[in-house]
Amino acid sequence: MIATLLFVAFLVLMFLGVPIGAALGLAGAACIALASLDTQWLGLLAVPQNFYAGLGKYPLLAIPMFVLVGSIFDRSGVAARLVNFAIAIVGRGAGMLPLVAIVVAMFLGGISGSGPANAAAVGGVMIAAMYRAGYPGSFSASVVGAAAATDILIPPSVAFIIYSVLVPGASVPALFAAGMVPGILAGVALIVPAVWMARKHKMGHLEASLPRPELWKSFKEAIWGLAAPVLILGGMRAGWFTPTEAAVVAVFYGLFVGMCIHRTIGLRDLYTILREAGELSAVIMLVVSLAGIFAFSLSTLGVIDPVAAAIVDSGLGEYGVMILLILLLITVGMFLDGISVFLIFVPLLLPIMNHYNWDPVWFGVILTLKVAMGQFMPPLAVNLMVSCRIANVQMESTVRWVIPMLIAMFGVMLLVIAFPQLALWLPAKLGY
């Protein structure tokens, strides 16, 4: 009965508009209190203990730093210079600006671990450029929102850091390496429908008339941005620093580029950058800590094992269960953000993963692909919220453009399910 109350309380609080983190914490604390009635409420000591335990994990130190990196590169002018360089390479023509937006978003994914920050950085440059070229605002917002979703697959990734905390046997370096190939495939898959829709609907009719940047000049301006992923990912691979330390290195590198090279960040801007990054980091970490209370309730009340056993014994078989999980997470992803999906469902899915002997790194990539789809899947699509605000359009107007790109990314997820080596080859090659 208490286990049922846990989920009922959570759903009721959600429908009442209570923030997701508070709903998780309140539902978990209420059920812990009911379960500890016969121990004179001593069980309630588990609430502050698990609140702290949810935060007291070393890999989580990287999250505020990578969020800060996103804010720094958003204001440093790196995105604009990368866009000019990409346009200089691919040239002008129908569908080329959407292609550039996706490629630049993928590249920035190797610098920042935050999808919304990526959407803000790319959208601030590309949406205005696409508008001048004749692309509708709803289409531009859809492309930028979808492209920024590759950020959580291409390392560094906040989602992978949280997954590594929740799942034993899935290290951050292995997950970062595993996400590289699927992340690139997801970007390529998004390019195909974006370019096809642009040409089919004759968008960007003014693009060919716009000037093409000079290749050598744009390369020199973009070189500092191009070097960032090499420094961050290459340094981790060379053993110079851990993923957590890499986030700090990326912060100082971004500040150096923004304040000393491009001179787009002044001392007065630092307060705004730190405030924005602090607010977003606080929200993420608060949700993580409150979800620790919810997860403790799940394990203490014995909810996980019966649910997992019911799914395993359903007679669907291994692939049938996988399809069921995908459909469940796609439905849930329409209403919850990616971090919340991980924090709520990964504890429930771990026994199922262990029963079928699924590789935890491969399974993490599958779940993260699903989370990436949720970042631009209405009605709750955090990347689309950012890009739609920049484009000044309603999210409802993006649905017709988003659906083909969702189908494309879904196809990548099926490929990774059918061919696990797409995710596992690189970690094995690198010795992770």
Protein backbone atom coordinates (compact mmCIF):
# COMPACT_ATOMS: atom_id res chain seq x y z
CA MET A 1 0.00 0.00 0.00
CA ILE A 2 2.81 2.38 0.91
CA ALA A 3 4.57 1.55 -2.36
CA THR A 4 1.42 2.45 -4.28
CA LEU A 5 1.17 5.65 -2.29
CA LEU A 6 4.73 6.55 -3.33
CA PHE A 7 3.83 6.72 -7.02
CA VAL A 8 0.36 8.17 -6.45
CA ALA A 9 1.79 10.99 -4.32
CA PHE A 10 4.46 11.69 -6.92
CA LEU A 11 1.93 11.85 -9.78
CA VAL A 12 -0.51 14.00 -7.81
CA LEU A 13 2.22 16.48 -6.91
CA MET A 14 3.33 16.58 -10.56
CA PHE A 15 -0.21 17.33 -11.75
CA LEU A 16 -0.49 20.07 -9.12
CA GLY A 17 2.49 21.78 -10.72
CA VAL A 18 5.05 20.99 -8.01
CA PRO A 19 8.58 21.03 -9.47
CA ILE A 20 9.90 17.58 -10.35
CA GLY A 21 12.64 17.58 -7.70
CA ALA A 22 10.30 18.65 -4.91
CA ALA A 23 7.71 16.05 -6.01
CA LEU A 24 10.33 13.29 -5.83
CA GLY A 25 11.59 14.38 -2.42
CA LEU A 26 8.18 14.97 -0.83
CA ALA A 27 6.73 11.67 -2.07
CA GLY A 28 9.78 9.75 -0.89
CA ALA A 29 9.87 11.48 2.51
CA ALA A 30 6.13 10.90 3.08
CA CYS A 31 6.46 7.18 2.40
CA ILE A 32 9.56 6.88 4.59
CA ALA A 33 7.59 8.58 7.38
CA LEU A 34 4.67 6.15 7.03
CA ALA A 35 6.99 3.15 6.94
CA SER A 36 8.73 4.32 10.15
CA LEU A 37 5.62 4.83 12.29
CA ASP A 38 6.44 1.77 14.40
CA THR A 39 10.03 2.96 15.02
CA GLN A 40 9.00 6.29 16.57
CA TRP A 41 9.88 8.20 13.39
CA LEU A 42 13.56 7.26 13.62
CA GLY A 43 13.36 6.18 9.98
CA LEU A 44 13.02 9.83 9.00
CA LEU A 45 16.74 10.21 9.66
CA ALA A 46 17.14 8.54 6.26
CA VAL A 47 15.77 11.68 4.56
CA PRO A 48 18.69 14.05 5.31
CA GLN A 49 21.18 11.19 5.01
CA ASN A 50 20.04 10.32 1.49
CA PHE A 51 19.71 13.98 0.53
CA TYR A 52 23.41 14.39 1.27
CA ALA A 53 24.35 11.00 -0.19
CA GLY A 54 22.70 11.99 -3.45
CA LEU A 55 25.20 14.84 -3.80
CA GLY A 56 28.27 13.28 -2.19
CA LYS A 57 29.59 11.59 -5.33
CA TYR A 58 32.85 12.63 -6.96
CA PRO A 59 31.71 12.51 -10.64
CA LEU A 60 28.94 15.03 -9.88
CA LEU A 61 31.61 17.68 -9.30
CA ALA A 62 31.96 17.92 -13.09
CA ILE A 63 28.36 19.01 -13.64
CA PRO A 64 28.59 22.64 -12.39
CA MET A 65 31.85 23.07 -14.31
CA PHE A 66 30.47 21.79 -17.63
CA VAL A 67 27.37 23.95 -17.17
CA LEU A 68 29.69 26.91 -16.60
CA VAL A 69 31.63 25.99 -19.76
CA GLY A 70 28.39 26.18 -21.72
CA SER A 71 27.65 29.67 -20.39
CA ILE A 72 31.18 30.86 -21.14
CA PHE A 73 31.26 29.60 -24.71
CA ASP A 74 27.76 30.95 -25.25
CA ARG A 75 29.12 34.47 -24.66
CA SER A 76 32.64 34.05 -26.03
CA GLY A 77 31.73 34.33 -29.72
CA VAL A 78 33.14 30.88 -30.49
CA ALA A 79 29.85 29.66 -32.01
CA ALA A 80 29.69 32.56 -34.50
CA ARG A 81 33.25 31.92 -35.66
CA LEU A 82 32.62 28.20 -36.04
CA VAL A 83 29.51 28.97 -38.11
CA ASN A 84 31.48 31.23 -40.47
CA PHE A 85 34.14 28.56 -40.90
CA ALA A 86 31.54 25.84 -41.58
CA ILE A 87 29.77 28.04 -44.16
CA ALA A 88 33.12 28.73 -45.81
CA ILE A 89 33.63 24.96 -46.18
CA VAL A 90 30.18 23.83 -47.37
CA GLY A 91 29.24 27.02 -49.24
CA ARG A 92 25.83 28.56 -49.78
CA GLY A 93 22.77 26.82 -51.15
CA ALA A 94 19.40 25.33 -50.27
CA GLY A 95 19.65 23.34 -47.04
CA MET A 96 23.24 24.32 -46.26
CA LEU A 97 22.49 26.51 -43.23
CA PRO A 98 20.55 23.71 -41.45
CA LEU A 99 23.49 21.43 -42.17
CA VAL A 100 25.88 24.00 -40.68
CA ALA A 101 23.68 24.43 -37.59
CA ILE A 102 23.75 20.68 -36.89
CA VAL A 103 27.49 20.31 -37.48
CA VAL A 104 28.34 23.29 -35.26
CA ALA A 105 26.03 21.99 -32.51
CA MET A 106 27.77 18.61 -32.68
CA PHE A 107 31.15 20.28 -32.43
CA LEU A 108 30.10 22.39 -29.46
CA GLY A 109 28.91 19.14 -27.89
CA GLY A 110 32.60 18.34 -27.47
CA ILE A 111 33.02 21.46 -25.33
CA SER A 112 29.90 21.75 -23.16
CA GLY A 113 27.83 19.05 -21.47
CA SER A 114 24.60 21.07 -21.46
CA GLY A 115 22.02 20.75 -24.25
CA PRO A 116 20.14 23.97 -23.41
CA ALA A 117 23.43 25.91 -23.31
CA ASN A 118 24.31 24.46 -26.71
CA ALA A 119 20.88 25.43 -28.07
CA ALA A 120 21.37 28.97 -26.77
CA ALA A 121 24.86 29.32 -28.25
CA VAL A 122 23.98 27.90 -31.68
CA GLY A 123 20.49 29.38 -31.76
CA GLY A 124 21.76 32.87 -30.97
CA VAL A 125 23.81 32.78 -34.16
CA MET A 126 22.03 30.41 -36.53
CA ILE A 127 18.37 31.34 -36.08
CA ALA A 128 18.99 34.95 -37.09
CA ALA A 129 21.18 33.82 -40.02
CA MET A 130 18.54 31.35 -41.20
CA TYR A 131 15.85 34.02 -40.92
CA ARG A 132 17.86 36.35 -43.17
CA ALA A 133 18.24 33.49 -45.66
CA GLY A 134 14.48 32.88 -45.83
CA TYR A 135 13.95 29.95 -43.44
CA PRO A 136 10.77 30.00 -41.27
CA GLY A 137 11.39 30.59 -37.57
CA SER A 138 9.62 27.38 -36.57
CA PHE A 139 11.85 25.31 -38.86
CA SER A 140 15.01 27.04 -37.62
CA ALA A 141 14.02 26.48 -33.98
CA SER A 142 13.33 22.80 -34.71
CA VAL A 143 16.72 22.26 -36.36
CA VAL A 144 18.64 24.00 -33.56
CA GLY A 145 16.70 22.20 -30.81
CA ALA A 146 17.26 18.80 -32.41
CA ALA A 147 20.91 19.49 -33.19
CA ALA A 148 21.63 20.54 -29.59
CA ALA A 149 20.32 17.15 -28.42
CA THR A 150 23.49 15.51 -29.76
CA ASP A 151 25.30 17.35 -26.95
CA ILE A 152 24.43 14.70 -24.36
CA LEU A 153 25.82 11.92 -26.57
CA ILE A 154 29.05 13.53 -27.74
CA PRO A 155 31.40 13.84 -24.74
CA PRO A 156 31.53 15.54 -22.33
CA SER A 157 27.98 14.74 -21.25
CA VAL A 158 26.10 15.62 -18.06
CA ALA A 159 23.69 12.75 -18.70
CA PHE A 160 26.53 10.21 -18.83
CA ILE A 161 27.97 11.57 -15.58
CA ILE A 162 24.65 11.08 -13.78
CA TYR A 163 24.23 7.61 -15.29
CA SER A 164 27.70 6.60 -14.10
CA VAL A 165 26.73 7.59 -10.55
CA LEU A 166 23.59 5.44 -10.69
CA VAL A 167 25.03 2.34 -12.39
CA PRO A 168 27.98 0.32 -11.04
CA GLY A 169 30.34 -0.83 -13.76
CA ALA A 170 29.77 2.14 -16.08
CA SER A 171 32.71 4.52 -15.75
CA VAL A 172 32.63 8.08 -17.05
CA PRO A 173 35.53 7.57 -19.53
CA ALA A 174 33.90 4.43 -20.96
CA LEU A 175 30.55 6.19 -21.36
CA PHE A 176 32.19 9.24 -22.96
CA ALA A 177 33.92 6.99 -25.49
CA ALA A 178 30.78 4.94 -26.09
CA GLY A 179 28.72 8.02 -26.92
CA MET A 180 31.05 9.31 -29.65
CA VAL A 181 30.03 7.10 -32.60
CA PRO A 182 26.27 7.10 -31.81
CA GLY A 183 26.47 10.88 -31.32
CA ILE A 184 28.02 11.37 -34.74
CA LEU A 185 25.47 8.99 -36.30
CA ALA A 186 22.66 10.94 -34.63
CA GLY A 187 24.00 14.20 -36.09
CA VAL A 188 24.26 12.71 -39.58
CA ALA A 189 20.77 11.26 -39.23
CA LEU A 190 19.41 14.72 -38.36
CA ILE A 191 21.13 16.32 -41.37
CA VAL A 192 19.27 14.11 -43.86
CA PRO A 193 15.67 15.14 -42.97
CA ALA A 194 16.69 18.76 -42.26
CA VAL A 195 18.24 19.25 -45.71
CA TRP A 196 15.45 17.25 -47.39
CA MET A 197 12.69 19.34 -45.77
CA ALA A 198 14.48 22.60 -46.63
CA ARG A 199 14.72 21.65 -50.30
CA LYS A 200 11.27 20.09 -50.54
CA HIS A 201 9.57 23.20 -49.15
CA LYS A 202 11.91 25.56 -51.04
CA MET A 203 13.22 27.26 -47.92
CA GLY A 204 16.28 29.44 -47.84
CA HIS A 205 15.61 31.05 -51.20
CA LEU A 206 17.83 34.00 -50.22
CA GLU A 207 20.74 31.87 -49.02
CA ALA A 208 22.59 31.68 -52.33
CA SER A 209 22.62 35.49 -52.58
CA LEU A 210 24.43 35.92 -49.24
CA PRO A 211 28.24 36.27 -49.26
CA ARG A 212 30.42 33.21 -48.59
CA PRO A 213 33.08 33.79 -45.88
CA GLU A 214 36.71 33.57 -46.87
CA LEU A 215 38.04 30.12 -45.94
CA TRP A 216 41.50 31.01 -44.59
CA LYS A 217 40.30 34.04 -42.63
CA SER A 218 37.39 32.16 -41.06
CA PHE A 219 39.69 29.26 -40.17
CA LYS A 220 42.09 31.56 -38.31
CA GLU A 221 39.18 33.08 -36.39
CA ALA A 222 37.74 29.67 -35.49
CA ILE A 223 41.02 27.97 -34.54
CA TRP A 224 40.61 28.57 -30.80
CA GLY A 225 37.15 27.02 -30.83
CA LEU A 226 38.38 24.10 -32.95
CA ALA A 227 41.14 23.43 -30.44
CA ALA A 228 38.81 23.19 -27.42
CA PRO A 229 37.51 19.60 -27.92
CA VAL A 230 41.04 18.48 -28.81
CA LEU A 231 42.31 19.87 -25.50
CA ILE A 232 39.43 18.51 -23.41
CA LEU A 233 39.05 15.03 -24.93
CA GLY A 234 42.70 14.61 -25.87
CA GLY A 235 43.79 15.56 -22.36
CA MET A 236 41.48 12.96 -20.84
CA ARG A 237 42.73 10.28 -23.23
CA ALA A 238 46.38 11.18 -22.57
CA GLY A 239 45.78 10.89 -18.83
CA TRP A 240 46.60 14.53 -18.10
CA PHE A 241 43.37 14.95 -16.17
CA THR A 242 40.20 13.10 -15.19
CA PRO A 243 36.78 13.99 -16.67
CA THR A 244 36.05 16.06 -13.56
CA GLU A 245 39.35 17.91 -13.85
CA ALA A 246 38.76 18.31 -17.60
CA ALA A 247 35.67 20.39 -16.81
CA VAL A 248 37.80 22.82 -14.79
CA VAL A 249 40.40 22.99 -17.56
CA ALA A 250 37.62 23.75 -20.05
CA VAL A 251 36.35 26.62 -17.85
CA PHE A 252 39.75 28.32 -17.71
CA TYR A 253 40.35 27.70 -21.42
CA GLY A 254 36.96 29.25 -22.26
CA LEU A 255 37.68 32.28 -20.06
CA PHE A 256 41.09 32.71 -21.69
CA VAL A 257 39.58 32.60 -25.18
CA GLY A 258 36.68 34.90 -24.31
CA MET A 259 38.63 37.47 -22.28
CA CYS A 260 42.08 37.47 -23.90
CA ILE A 261 41.67 36.24 -27.49
CA HIS A 262 38.23 37.33 -28.71
CA ARG A 263 37.74 39.94 -25.95
CA THR A 264 34.00 39.30 -25.93
CA ILE A 265 33.85 38.69 -22.16
CA GLY A 266 34.66 41.48 -19.70
CA LEU A 267 34.99 41.47 -15.95
CA ARG A 268 31.40 42.73 -15.59
CA ASP A 269 30.16 39.76 -17.65
CA LEU A 270 31.65 37.25 -15.22
CA TYR A 271 28.97 37.91 -12.60
CA THR A 272 26.17 37.23 -15.10
CA ILE A 273 27.90 34.09 -16.40
CA LEU A 274 28.52 32.72 -12.91
CA ARG A 275 24.95 33.54 -11.81
CA GLU A 276 23.36 31.79 -14.80
CA ALA A 277 25.59 28.73 -14.43
CA GLY A 278 25.02 28.67 -10.67
CA GLU A 279 21.24 28.77 -11.02
CA LEU A 280 21.15 25.96 -13.60
CA SER A 281 23.66 23.84 -11.66
CA ALA A 282 21.68 24.32 -8.45
CA VAL A 283 18.49 23.10 -10.13
CA ILE A 284 20.23 20.01 -11.50
CA MET A 285 21.97 19.15 -8.24
CA LEU A 286 18.82 19.75 -6.18
CA VAL A 287 16.86 17.35 -8.38
CA VAL A 288 19.67 14.77 -8.06
CA SER A 289 19.73 15.03 -4.25
CA LEU A 290 15.94 14.88 -3.86
CA ALA A 291 15.79 11.93 -6.24
CA GLY A 292 18.12 10.13 -3.82
CA ILE A 293 15.29 10.19 -1.25
CA PHE A 294 12.88 8.78 -3.83
CA ALA A 295 15.34 6.04 -4.83
CA PHE A 296 15.87 5.08 -1.18
CA SER A 297 12.10 4.75 -0.79
CA LEU A 298 11.94 2.48 -3.83
CA SER A 299 14.60 0.14 -2.48
CA THR A 300 13.41 0.20 1.16
CA LEU A 301 9.76 -0.44 0.32
CA GLY A 302 10.67 -3.34 -1.95
CA VAL A 303 9.13 -1.85 -5.10
CA ILE A 304 11.99 -2.51 -7.51
CA ASP A 305 12.21 -6.30 -7.39
CA PRO A 306 8.47 -7.05 -7.92
CA VAL A 307 8.23 -4.59 -10.82
CA ALA A 308 11.37 -5.97 -12.45
CA ALA A 309 10.18 -9.55 -11.94
CA ALA A 310 6.79 -8.76 -13.49
CA ILE A 311 8.45 -7.31 -16.61
CA VAL A 312 10.94 -10.17 -16.94
CA ASP A 313 8.21 -12.83 -16.44
CA SER A 314 5.81 -11.17 -18.89
CA GLY A 315 6.75 -13.65 -21.64
CA LEU A 316 7.83 -10.92 -24.05
CA GLY A 317 11.41 -12.14 -24.32
CA GLU A 318 14.58 -10.04 -24.36
CA TYR A 319 13.76 -7.94 -27.43
CA GLY A 320 10.09 -7.65 -26.46
CA VAL A 321 11.13 -6.22 -23.09
CA MET A 322 13.51 -3.83 -24.85
CA ILE A 323 10.68 -2.59 -27.10
CA LEU A 324 8.43 -2.19 -24.06
CA LEU A 325 11.09 -0.13 -22.28
CA ILE A 326 11.61 2.07 -25.34
CA LEU A 327 7.88 2.76 -25.67
CA LEU A 328 7.64 3.48 -21.94
CA LEU A 329 10.56 5.89 -21.97
CA ILE A 330 9.40 7.62 -25.14
CA THR A 331 6.02 8.25 -23.51
CA VAL A 332 7.57 9.40 -20.25
CA GLY A 333 10.10 11.54 -22.12
CA MET A 334 7.27 13.64 -23.53
CA PHE A 335 6.54 14.93 -20.03
CA LEU A 336 9.78 14.64 -18.01
CA ASP A 337 13.24 16.05 -18.68
CA GLY A 338 16.13 13.65 -19.31
CA ILE A 339 17.82 13.90 -15.91
CA SER A 340 14.54 13.14 -14.15
CA VAL A 341 13.97 10.11 -16.41
CA PHE A 342 17.38 8.76 -15.40
CA LEU A 343 16.90 9.40 -11.70
CA ILE A 344 13.43 7.83 -11.57
CA PHE A 345 13.75 4.87 -13.92
CA VAL A 346 17.39 3.71 -13.87
CA PRO A 347 17.01 2.13 -10.37
CA LEU A 348 13.96 0.24 -11.69
CA LEU A 349 15.73 -0.84 -14.87
CA LEU A 350 18.96 -2.07 -13.28
CA PRO A 351 17.59 -5.52 -12.26
CA ILE A 352 16.22 -5.98 -15.79
CA MET A 353 19.59 -5.03 -17.29
CA ASN A 354 21.34 -7.52 -15.00
CA HIS A 355 18.83 -10.28 -15.77
CA TYR A 356 19.51 -10.11 -19.51
CA ASN A 357 23.24 -9.43 -19.02
CA TRP A 358 23.06 -6.23 -21.03
CA ASP A 359 26.30 -4.31 -21.05
CA PRO A 360 25.82 -1.31 -18.68
CA VAL A 361 27.75 1.04 -20.98
CA TRP A 362 25.74 0.00 -24.05
CA PHE A 363 22.48 0.26 -22.07
CA GLY A 364 23.50 3.74 -20.93
CA VAL A 365 23.96 4.85 -24.53
CA ILE A 366 20.49 3.48 -25.42
CA LEU A 367 18.88 5.36 -22.54
CA THR A 368 20.80 8.52 -23.40
CA LEU A 369 19.64 8.33 -27.02
CA LYS A 370 16.12 8.22 -25.67
CA VAL A 371 16.83 11.19 -23.44
CA ALA A 372 18.28 13.05 -26.44
CA MET A 373 15.00 12.50 -28.29
CA GLY A 374 13.10 13.80 -25.28
CA GLN A 375 15.08 17.06 -25.38
CA PHE A 376 13.32 18.07 -28.61
CA MET A 377 10.07 16.11 -28.25
CA PRO A 378 7.06 18.30 -27.33
CA PRO A 379 5.40 19.10 -24.99
CA LEU A 380 8.36 19.24 -22.53
CA ALA A 381 11.41 19.74 -24.71
CA VAL A 382 14.07 21.78 -22.94
CA ASN A 383 16.11 22.45 -26.08
CA LEU A 384 13.05 23.49 -28.06
CA MET A 385 12.01 25.82 -25.25
CA VAL A 386 15.32 27.66 -25.66
CA SER A 387 15.35 27.72 -29.47
CA CYS A 388 11.66 28.69 -29.71
CA ARG A 389 12.25 31.58 -27.34
CA ILE A 390 15.14 32.81 -29.49
CA ALA A 391 13.08 32.40 -32.68
CA ASN A 392 10.00 33.94 -31.00
CA VAL A 393 7.70 31.12 -32.13
CA GLN A 394 5.29 28.78 -30.35
CA MET A 395 6.46 25.22 -29.71
CA GLU A 396 3.29 23.89 -31.37
CA SER A 397 4.48 25.28 -34.70
CA THR A 398 7.61 23.09 -34.63
CA VAL A 399 5.83 19.73 -34.47
CA ARG A 400 5.63 19.17 -38.25
CA TRP A 401 9.38 19.77 -38.58
CA VAL A 402 10.40 17.88 -35.44
CA ILE A 403 8.67 14.58 -36.28
CA PRO A 404 10.95 13.60 -39.23
CA MET A 405 14.03 14.35 -37.13
CA LEU A 406 12.66 12.29 -34.23
CA ILE A 407 12.15 9.39 -36.64
CA ALA A 408 15.74 9.77 -37.86
CA MET A 409 17.17 9.66 -34.33
CA PHE A 410 14.90 6.73 -33.48
CA GLY A 411 16.47 4.90 -36.41
CA VAL A 412 19.93 5.50 -34.92
CA MET A 413 18.73 4.06 -31.60
CA LEU A 414 17.51 0.91 -33.39
CA LEU A 415 20.90 0.62 -35.10
CA VAL A 416 22.74 0.79 -31.78
CA ILE A 417 20.36 -1.82 -30.33
CA ALA A 418 20.89 -4.15 -33.30
CA PHE A 419 24.65 -3.56 -33.46
CA PRO A 420 26.00 -2.98 -29.92
CA GLN A 421 29.56 -2.59 -31.23
CA LEU A 422 28.60 0.84 -32.55
CA ALA A 423 28.75 1.92 -28.91
CA LEU A 424 31.22 -0.60 -27.48
CA TRP A 425 33.96 -0.60 -30.12
CA LEU A 426 35.62 2.68 -29.17
CA PRO A 427 35.69 2.08 -25.37
CA ALA A 428 37.30 -1.34 -26.01
CA LYS A 429 39.79 0.22 -28.44
CA LEU A 430 40.77 2.84 -25.87
CA GLY A 431 41.10 0.27 -23.08
CA TYR A 432 38.07 1.38 -21.04
